[in-house]
Amino acid sequence: MDIDTSDPSVFLLRAFKYLIANQELMTIRKRAKVSARHAQESGRYLNKAPYGYINGKHTDGKMILQIDESKVFIIEKTTGII
């Protein structure tokens, strides 16, 4: 494939393809952020559970956080929550 880089139409075509690809990248990033935020707001956690919690599954198969009963005392004592 021989592309003449000095041809203005080739330059414009490549620039347009880059703009479309960049826009798609931004759209994917936005969807990923919104999806992760929605999961957190509904009580689900996407990664390894933080200290004092364990990963569990809801009845519909989605991942949720559950309190690790063996560490409840430590969490209550250090944070005052739970």
PDB file of N, CA and C in Angstrom:
ATOM      1  N   MET A   1       0.851  -1.164   0.000  1.00  0.00           N
ATOM      2  CA  MET A   1       0.000   0.000   0.000  1.00  0.00           C
ATOM      3  C   MET A   1       0.900   1.231   0.000  1.00  0.00           C
ATOM      4  N   ASP A   2       0.763   2.050  -1.018  1.00  0.00           N
ATOM      5  CA  ASP A   2       1.596   3.239  -1.159  1.00  0.00           C
ATOM      6  C   ASP A   2       0.718   4.470  -0.933  1.00  0.00           C
ATOM      7  N   ILE A   3       0.928   5.152   0.210  1.00  0.00           N
ATOM      8  CA  ILE A   3       0.131   6.335   0.538  1.00  0.00           C
ATOM      9  C   ILE A   3       0.997   7.568   0.370  1.00  0.00           C
ATOM     10  N   ASP A   4       0.517   8.486  -0.432  1.00  0.00           N
ATOM     11  CA  ASP A   4       1.242   9.746  -0.645  1.00  0.00           C
ATOM     12  C   ASP A   4       0.906  10.690   0.501  1.00  0.00           C
ATOM     13  N   THR A   5       1.841  10.854   1.446  1.00  0.00           N
ATOM     14  CA  THR A   5       1.584  11.677   2.629  1.00  0.00           C
ATOM     15  C   THR A   5       1.557  13.167   2.319  1.00  0.00           C
ATOM     16  N   SER A   6       2.018  13.545   1.143  1.00  0.00           N
ATOM     17  CA  SER A   6       1.977  14.967   0.783  1.00  0.00           C
ATOM     18  C   SER A   6       0.643  15.360   0.158  1.00  0.00           C
ATOM     19  N   ASP A   7      -0.194  14.392  -0.147  1.00  0.00           N
ATOM     20  CA  ASP A   7      -1.507  14.660  -0.745  1.00  0.00           C
ATOM     21  C   ASP A   7      -2.457  15.184   0.333  1.00  0.00           C
ATOM     22  N   PRO A   8      -3.041  16.372   0.147  1.00  0.00           N
ATOM     23  CA  PRO A   8      -3.939  16.938   1.173  1.00  0.00           C
ATOM     24  C   PRO A   8      -5.161  16.078   1.461  1.00  0.00           C
ATOM     25  N   SER A   9      -5.674  15.377   0.480  1.00  0.00           N
ATOM     26  CA  SER A   9      -6.863  14.551   0.728  1.00  0.00           C
ATOM     27  C   SER A   9      -6.515  13.365   1.629  1.00  0.00           C
ATOM     28  N   VAL A  10      -5.318  12.811   1.479  1.00  0.00           N
ATOM     29  CA  VAL A  10      -4.887  11.718   2.350  1.00  0.00           C
ATOM     30  C   VAL A  10      -4.735  12.236   3.776  1.00  0.00           C
ATOM     31  N   PHE A  11      -4.164  13.422   3.906  1.00  0.00           N
ATOM     32  CA  PHE A  11      -3.999  14.034   5.232  1.00  0.00           C
ATOM     33  C   PHE A  11      -5.355  14.239   5.898  1.00  0.00           C
ATOM     34  N   LEU A  12      -6.317  14.782   5.170  1.00  0.00           N
ATOM     35  CA  LEU A  12      -7.646  15.021   5.729  1.00  0.00           C
ATOM     36  C   LEU A  12      -8.346  13.717   6.100  1.00  0.00           C
ATOM     37  N   LEU A  13      -8.213  12.699   5.261  1.00  0.00           N
ATOM     38  CA  LEU A  13      -8.835  11.410   5.542  1.00  0.00           C
ATOM     39  C   LEU A  13      -8.258  10.798   6.816  1.00  0.00           C
ATOM     40  N   ARG A  14      -6.931  10.848   6.953  1.00  0.00           N
ATOM     41  CA  ARG A  14      -6.301  10.302   8.150  1.00  0.00           C
ATOM     42  C   ARG A  14      -6.679  11.107   9.389  1.00  0.00           C
ATOM     43  N   ALA A  15      -6.752  12.421   9.260  1.00  0.00           N
ATOM     44  CA  ALA A  15      -7.128  13.264  10.393  1.00  0.00           C
ATOM     45  C   ALA A  15      -8.566  12.979  10.819  1.00  0.00           C
ATOM     46  N   PHE A  16      -9.460  12.799   9.866  1.00  0.00           N
ATOM     47  CA  PHE A  16     -10.852  12.498  10.171  1.00  0.00           C
ATOM     48  C   PHE A  16     -10.975  11.144  10.876  1.00  0.00           C
ATOM     49  N   LYS A  17     -10.234  10.131  10.401  1.00  0.00           N
ATOM     50  CA  LYS A  17     -10.258   8.817  11.047  1.00  0.00           C
ATOM     51  C   LYS A  17      -9.733   8.911  12.478  1.00  0.00           C
ATOM     52  N   TYR A  18      -8.696   9.718  12.681  1.00  0.00           N
ATOM     53  CA  TYR A  18      -8.159   9.907  14.031  1.00  0.00           C
ATOM     54  C   TYR A  18      -9.203  10.550  14.937  1.00  0.00           C
ATOM     55  N   LEU A  19      -9.908  11.555  14.447  1.00  0.00           N
ATOM     56  CA  LEU A  19     -10.933  12.225  15.252  1.00  0.00           C
ATOM     57  C   LEU A  19     -12.054  11.259  15.636  1.00  0.00           C
ATOM     58  N   ILE A  20     -12.482  10.427  14.714  1.00  0.00           N
ATOM     59  CA  ILE A  20     -13.534   9.450  14.997  1.00  0.00           C
ATOM     60  C   ILE A  20     -13.049   8.445  16.037  1.00  0.00           C
ATOM     61  N   ALA A  21     -11.817   7.948  15.884  1.00  0.00           N
ATOM     62  CA  ALA A  21     -11.277   6.984  16.838  1.00  0.00           C
ATOM     63  C   ALA A  21     -11.128   7.616  18.222  1.00  0.00           C
ATOM     64  N   ASN A  22     -10.687   8.849  18.279  1.00  0.00           N
ATOM     65  CA  ASN A  22     -10.531   9.540  19.560  1.00  0.00           C
ATOM     66  C   ASN A  22     -11.890   9.753  20.234  1.00  0.00           C
ATOM     67  N   GLN A  23     -12.897  10.089  19.465  1.00  0.00           N
ATOM     68  CA  GLN A  23     -14.236  10.271  20.017  1.00  0.00           C
ATOM     69  C   GLN A  23     -14.772   8.960  20.587  1.00  0.00           C
ATOM     70  N   GLU A  24     -14.524   7.868  19.901  1.00  0.00           N
ATOM     71  CA  GLU A  24     -14.956   6.556  20.390  1.00  0.00           C
ATOM     72  C   GLU A  24     -14.235   6.199  21.691  1.00  0.00           C
ATOM     73  N   LEU A  25     -12.950   6.523  21.781  1.00  0.00           N
ATOM     74  CA  LEU A  25     -12.193   6.294  23.004  1.00  0.00           C
ATOM     75  C   LEU A  25     -12.796   7.073  24.176  1.00  0.00           C
ATOM     76  N   MET A  26     -13.131   8.326  23.947  1.00  0.00           N
ATOM     77  CA  MET A  26     -13.736   9.143  25.002  1.00  0.00           C
ATOM     78  C   MET A  26     -15.095   8.587  25.429  1.00  0.00           C
ATOM     79  N   THR A  27     -15.867   8.090  24.474  1.00  0.00           N
ATOM     80  CA  THR A  27     -17.172   7.503  24.777  1.00  0.00           C
ATOM     81  C   THR A  27     -17.009   6.240  25.630  1.00  0.00           C
ATOM     82  N   ILE A  28     -16.046   5.401  25.288  1.00  0.00           N
ATOM     83  CA  ILE A  28     -15.803   4.174  26.052  1.00  0.00           C
ATOM     84  C   ILE A  28     -15.375   4.512  27.470  1.00  0.00           C
ATOM     85  N   ARG A  29     -14.484   5.485  27.626  1.00  0.00           N
ATOM     86  CA  ARG A  29     -14.040   5.885  28.966  1.00  0.00           C
ATOM     87  C   ARG A  29     -15.204   6.401  29.811  1.00  0.00           C
ATOM     88  N   LYS A  30     -16.061   7.202  29.199  1.00  0.00           N
ATOM     89  CA  LYS A  30     -17.205   7.755  29.925  1.00  0.00           C
ATOM     90  C   LYS A  30     -18.150   6.639  30.374  1.00  0.00           C
ATOM     91  N   ARG A  31     -18.423   5.681  29.485  1.00  0.00           N
ATOM     92  CA  ARG A  31     -19.306   4.567  29.839  1.00  0.00           C
ATOM     93  C   ARG A  31     -18.723   3.726  30.966  1.00  0.00           C
ATOM     94  N   ALA A  32     -17.415   3.500  30.943  1.00  0.00           N
ATOM     95  CA  ALA A  32     -16.767   2.710  31.985  1.00  0.00           C
ATOM     96  C   ALA A  32     -16.870   3.406  33.341  1.00  0.00           C
ATOM     97  N   LYS A  33     -16.670   4.720  33.364  1.00  0.00           N
ATOM     98  CA  LYS A  33     -16.781   5.471  34.618  1.00  0.00           C
ATOM     99  C   LYS A  33     -18.206   5.440  35.150  1.00  0.00           C
ATOM    100  N   VAL A  34     -19.165   5.657  34.272  1.00  0.00           N
ATOM    101  CA  VAL A  34     -20.567   5.673  34.685  1.00  0.00           C
ATOM    102  C   VAL A  34     -20.981   4.295  35.198  1.00  0.00           C
ATOM    103  N   SER A  35     -20.537   3.249  34.527  1.00  0.00           N
ATOM    104  CA  SER A  35     -20.883   1.892  34.932  1.00  0.00           C
ATOM    105  C   SER A  35     -20.313   1.562  36.312  1.00  0.00           C
ATOM    106  N   ALA A  36     -19.055   1.921  36.540  1.00  0.00           N
ATOM    107  CA  ALA A  36     -18.437   1.662  37.845  1.00  0.00           C
ATOM    108  C   ALA A  36     -19.126   2.466  38.938  1.00  0.00           C
ATOM    109  N   ARG A  37     -19.457   3.707  38.661  1.00  0.00           N
ATOM    110  CA  ARG A  37     -20.131   4.546  39.655  1.00  0.00           C
ATOM    111  C   ARG A  37     -21.508   3.994  39.977  1.00  0.00           C
ATOM    112  N   HIS A  38     -22.234   3.556  38.960  1.00  0.00           N
ATOM    113  CA  HIS A  38     -23.567   2.993  39.168  1.00  0.00           C
ATOM    114  C   HIS A  38     -23.493   1.729  40.035  1.00  0.00           C
ATOM    115  N   ALA A  39     -22.484   0.895  39.788  1.00  0.00           N
ATOM    116  CA  ALA A  39     -22.310  -0.318  40.588  1.00  0.00           C
ATOM    117  C   ALA A  39     -22.055   0.032  42.048  1.00  0.00           C
ATOM    118  N   GLN A  40     -21.201   1.021  42.297  1.00  0.00           N
ATOM    119  CA  GLN A  40     -20.903   1.417  43.674  1.00  0.00           C
ATOM    120  C   GLN A  40     -22.135   1.997  44.358  1.00  0.00           C
ATOM    121  N   GLU A  41     -22.897   2.797  43.647  1.00  0.00           N
ATOM    122  CA  GLU A  41     -24.094   3.402  44.236  1.00  0.00           C
ATOM    123  C   GLU A  41     -25.155   2.366  44.573  1.00  0.00           C
ATOM    124  N   SER A  42     -25.153   1.249  43.855  1.00  0.00           N
ATOM    125  CA  SER A  42     -26.143   0.212  44.137  1.00  0.00           C
ATOM    126  C   SER A  42     -25.607  -0.847  45.102  1.00  0.00           C
ATOM    127  N   GLY A  43     -24.435  -0.577  45.719  1.00  0.00           N
ATOM    128  CA  GLY A  43     -23.907  -1.478  46.735  1.00  0.00           C
ATOM    129  C   GLY A  43     -23.049  -2.603  46.211  1.00  0.00           C
ATOM    130  N   ARG A  44     -22.721  -2.584  44.941  1.00  0.00           N
ATOM    131  CA  ARG A  44     -21.857  -3.612  44.379  1.00  0.00           C
ATOM    132  C   ARG A  44     -20.424  -3.097  44.345  1.00  0.00           C
ATOM    133  N   TYR A  45     -19.489  -3.997  44.303  1.00  0.00           N
ATOM    134  CA  TYR A  45     -18.083  -3.645  44.276  1.00  0.00           C
ATOM    135  C   TYR A  45     -17.428  -4.444  43.170  1.00  0.00           C
ATOM    136  N   LEU A  46     -16.640  -3.794  42.322  1.00  0.00           N
ATOM    137  CA  LEU A  46     -16.125  -4.445  41.126  1.00  0.00           C
ATOM    138  C   LEU A  46     -14.773  -5.124  41.316  1.00  0.00           C
ATOM    139  N   ASN A  47     -14.026  -4.744  42.323  1.00  0.00           N
ATOM    140  CA  ASN A  47     -12.689  -5.289  42.536  1.00  0.00           C
ATOM    141  C   ASN A  47     -12.644  -6.081  43.829  1.00  0.00           C
ATOM    142  N   LYS A  48     -11.442  -6.320  44.325  1.00  0.00           N
ATOM    143  CA  LYS A  48     -11.282  -7.016  45.591  1.00  0.00           C
ATOM    144  C   LYS A  48     -11.891  -6.172  46.704  1.00  0.00           C
ATOM    145  N   ALA A  49     -12.594  -6.808  47.593  1.00  0.00           N
ATOM    146  CA  ALA A  49     -13.293  -6.104  48.673  1.00  0.00           C
ATOM    147  C   ALA A  49     -12.282  -5.436  49.611  1.00  0.00           C
ATOM    148  N   PRO A  50     -12.619  -4.262  50.150  1.00  0.00           N
ATOM    149  CA  PRO A  50     -11.734  -3.614  51.116  1.00  0.00           C
ATOM    150  C   PRO A  50     -11.690  -4.392  52.437  1.00  0.00           C
ATOM    151  N   TYR A  51     -10.737  -4.033  53.281  1.00  0.00           N
ATOM    152  CA  TYR A  51     -10.558  -4.720  54.559  1.00  0.00           C
ATOM    153  C   TYR A  51     -11.847  -4.661  55.376  1.00  0.00           C
ATOM    154  N   GLY A  52     -12.250  -5.764  55.934  1.00  0.00           N
ATOM    155  CA  GLY A  52     -13.460  -5.835  56.750  1.00  0.00           C
ATOM    156  C   GLY A  52     -14.681  -6.299  55.983  1.00  0.00           C
ATOM    157  N   TYR A  53     -14.516  -6.484  54.687  1.00  0.00           N
ATOM    158  CA  TYR A  53     -15.616  -6.940  53.834  1.00  0.00           C
ATOM    159  C   TYR A  53     -15.143  -8.129  53.007  1.00  0.00           C
ATOM    160  N   ILE A  54     -16.086  -8.886  52.504  1.00  0.00           N
ATOM    161  CA  ILE A  54     -15.778  -9.964  51.577  1.00  0.00           C
ATOM    162  C   ILE A  54     -16.680  -9.821  50.359  1.00  0.00           C
ATOM    163  N   ASN A  55     -16.196 -10.306  49.238  1.00  0.00           N
ATOM    164  CA  ASN A  55     -17.007 -10.289  48.028  1.00  0.00           C
ATOM    165  C   ASN A  55     -18.050 -11.391  48.112  1.00  0.00           C
ATOM    166  N   GLY A  56     -19.279 -11.052  47.791  1.00  0.00           N
ATOM    167  CA  GLY A  56     -20.360 -12.022  47.787  1.00  0.00           C
ATOM    168  C   GLY A  56     -21.179 -11.861  46.522  1.00  0.00           C
ATOM    169  N   LYS A  57     -22.155 -12.704  46.357  1.00  0.00           N
ATOM    170  CA  LYS A  57     -23.038 -12.615  45.193  1.00  0.00           C
ATOM    171  C   LYS A  57     -24.471 -12.410  45.651  1.00  0.00           C
ATOM    172  N   HIS A  58     -25.140 -11.500  44.971  1.00  0.00           N
ATOM    173  CA  HIS A  58     -26.562 -11.255  45.189  1.00  0.00           C
ATOM    174  C   HIS A  58     -27.332 -12.373  44.511  1.00  0.00           C
ATOM    175  N   THR A  59     -28.606 -12.503  44.800  1.00  0.00           N
ATOM    176  CA  THR A  59     -29.413 -13.576  44.207  1.00  0.00           C
ATOM    177  C   THR A  59     -29.495 -13.469  42.688  1.00  0.00           C
ATOM    178  N   ASP A  60     -29.318 -12.260  42.151  1.00  0.00           N
ATOM    179  CA  ASP A  60     -29.354 -12.093  40.697  1.00  0.00           C
ATOM    180  C   ASP A  60     -27.988 -12.301  40.047  1.00  0.00           C
ATOM    181  N   GLY A  61     -26.978 -12.710  40.841  1.00  0.00           N
ATOM    182  CA  GLY A  61     -25.660 -13.013  40.303  1.00  0.00           C
ATOM    183  C   GLY A  61     -24.673 -11.865  40.310  1.00  0.00           C
ATOM    184  N   LYS A  62     -25.109 -10.677  40.704  1.00  0.00           N
ATOM    185  CA  LYS A  62     -24.209  -9.531  40.729  1.00  0.00           C
ATOM    186  C   LYS A  62     -23.381  -9.538  42.010  1.00  0.00           C
ATOM    187  N   MET A  63     -22.152  -9.022  41.891  1.00  0.00           N
ATOM    188  CA  MET A  63     -21.248  -8.986  43.032  1.00  0.00           C
ATOM    189  C   MET A  63     -21.675  -7.896  44.012  1.00  0.00           C
ATOM    190  N   ILE A  64     -21.652  -8.223  45.319  1.00  0.00           N
ATOM    191  CA  ILE A  64     -21.964  -7.251  46.366  1.00  0.00           C
ATOM    192  C   ILE A  64     -20.937  -7.403  47.486  1.00  0.00           C
ATOM    193  N   LEU A  65     -20.886  -6.402  48.359  1.00  0.00           N
ATOM    194  CA  LEU A  65     -20.027  -6.463  49.536  1.00  0.00           C
ATOM    195  C   LEU A  65     -20.802  -7.027  50.707  1.00  0.00           C
ATOM    196  N   GLN A  66     -20.141  -7.898  51.459  1.00  0.00           N
ATOM    197  CA  GLN A  66     -20.727  -8.430  52.682  1.00  0.00           C
ATOM    198  C   GLN A  66     -19.731  -8.205  53.807  1.00  0.00           C
ATOM    199  N   ILE A  67     -20.237  -7.944  54.995  1.00  0.00           N
ATOM    200  CA  ILE A  67     -19.381  -7.704  56.148  1.00  0.00           C
ATOM    201  C   ILE A  67     -18.706  -9.006  56.555  1.00  0.00           C
ATOM    202  N   ASP A  68     -17.395  -8.934  56.784  1.00  0.00           N
ATOM    203  CA  ASP A  68     -16.637 -10.086  57.263  1.00  0.00           C
ATOM    204  C   ASP A  68     -16.788 -10.128  58.781  1.00  0.00           C
ATOM    205  N   GLU A  69     -17.588 -11.070  59.246  1.00  0.00           N
ATOM    206  CA  GLU A  69     -17.914 -11.144  60.677  1.00  0.00           C
ATOM    207  C   GLU A  69     -16.688 -11.323  61.564  1.00  0.00           C
ATOM    208  N   SER A  70     -15.628 -11.923  61.038  1.00  0.00           N
ATOM    209  CA  SER A  70     -14.429 -12.132  61.853  1.00  0.00           C
ATOM    210  C   SER A  70     -13.650 -10.839  62.086  1.00  0.00           C
ATOM    211  N   LYS A  71     -13.946  -9.796  61.322  1.00  0.00           N
ATOM    212  CA  LYS A  71     -13.226  -8.522  61.464  1.00  0.00           C
ATOM    213  C   LYS A  71     -14.121  -7.379  61.912  1.00  0.00           C
ATOM    214  N   VAL A  72     -15.364  -7.663  62.277  1.00  0.00           N
ATOM    215  CA  VAL A  72     -16.307  -6.621  62.682  1.00  0.00           C
ATOM    216  C   VAL A  72     -15.785  -5.851  63.891  1.00  0.00           C
ATOM    217  N   PHE A  73     -15.250  -6.535  64.851  1.00  0.00           N
ATOM    218  CA  PHE A  73     -14.776  -5.882  66.070  1.00  0.00           C
ATOM    219  C   PHE A  73     -13.670  -4.872  65.747  1.00  0.00           C
ATOM    220  N   ILE A  74     -12.758  -5.238  64.893  1.00  0.00           N
ATOM    221  CA  ILE A  74     -11.653  -4.346  64.534  1.00  0.00           C
ATOM    222  C   ILE A  74     -12.170  -3.113  63.814  1.00  0.00           C
ATOM    223  N   ILE A  75     -13.079  -3.296  62.892  1.00  0.00           N
ATOM    224  CA  ILE A  75     -13.629  -2.171  62.129  1.00  0.00           C
ATOM    225  C   ILE A  75     -14.410  -1.242  63.049  1.00  0.00           C
ATOM    226  N   GLU A  76     -15.247  -1.787  63.917  1.00  0.00           N
ATOM    227  CA  GLU A  76     -16.027  -0.962  64.844  1.00  0.00           C
ATOM    228  C   GLU A  76     -15.123  -0.173  65.776  1.00  0.00           C
ATOM    229  N   LYS A  77     -14.081  -0.798  66.255  1.00  0.00           N
ATOM    230  CA  LYS A  77     -13.191  -0.151  67.210  1.00  0.00           C
ATOM    231  C   LYS A  77     -12.382   0.976  66.558  1.00  0.00           C
ATOM    232  N   THR A  78     -11.913   0.774  65.334  1.00  0.00           N
ATOM    233  CA  THR A  78     -11.054   1.768  64.695  1.00  0.00           C
ATOM    234  C   THR A  78     -11.831   2.875  64.005  1.00  0.00           C
ATOM    235  N   THR A  79     -13.018   2.590  63.498  1.00  0.00           N
ATOM    236  CA  THR A  79     -13.749   3.602  62.728  1.00  0.00           C
ATOM    237  C   THR A  79     -15.012   4.084  63.428  1.00  0.00           C
ATOM    238  N   GLY A  80     -15.578   3.272  64.258  1.00  0.00           N
ATOM    239  CA  GLY A  80     -16.840   3.656  64.894  1.00  0.00           C
ATOM    240  C   GLY A  80     -18.039   3.440  63.996  1.00  0.00           C
ATOM    241  N   ILE A  81     -17.868   2.792  62.845  1.00  0.00           N
ATOM    242  CA  ILE A  81     -19.012   2.528  61.947  1.00  0.00           C
ATOM    243  C   ILE A  81     -19.275   1.037  61.850  1.00  0.00           C
ATOM    244  N   ILE A  82     -20.351   0.707  61.282  1.00  0.00           N
ATOM    245  CA  ILE A  82     -20.908  -0.642  61.070  1.00  0.00           C
ATOM    246  C   ILE A  82     -21.907  -0.979  62.138  1.00  0.00           C
TER     247      ILE A  82
END
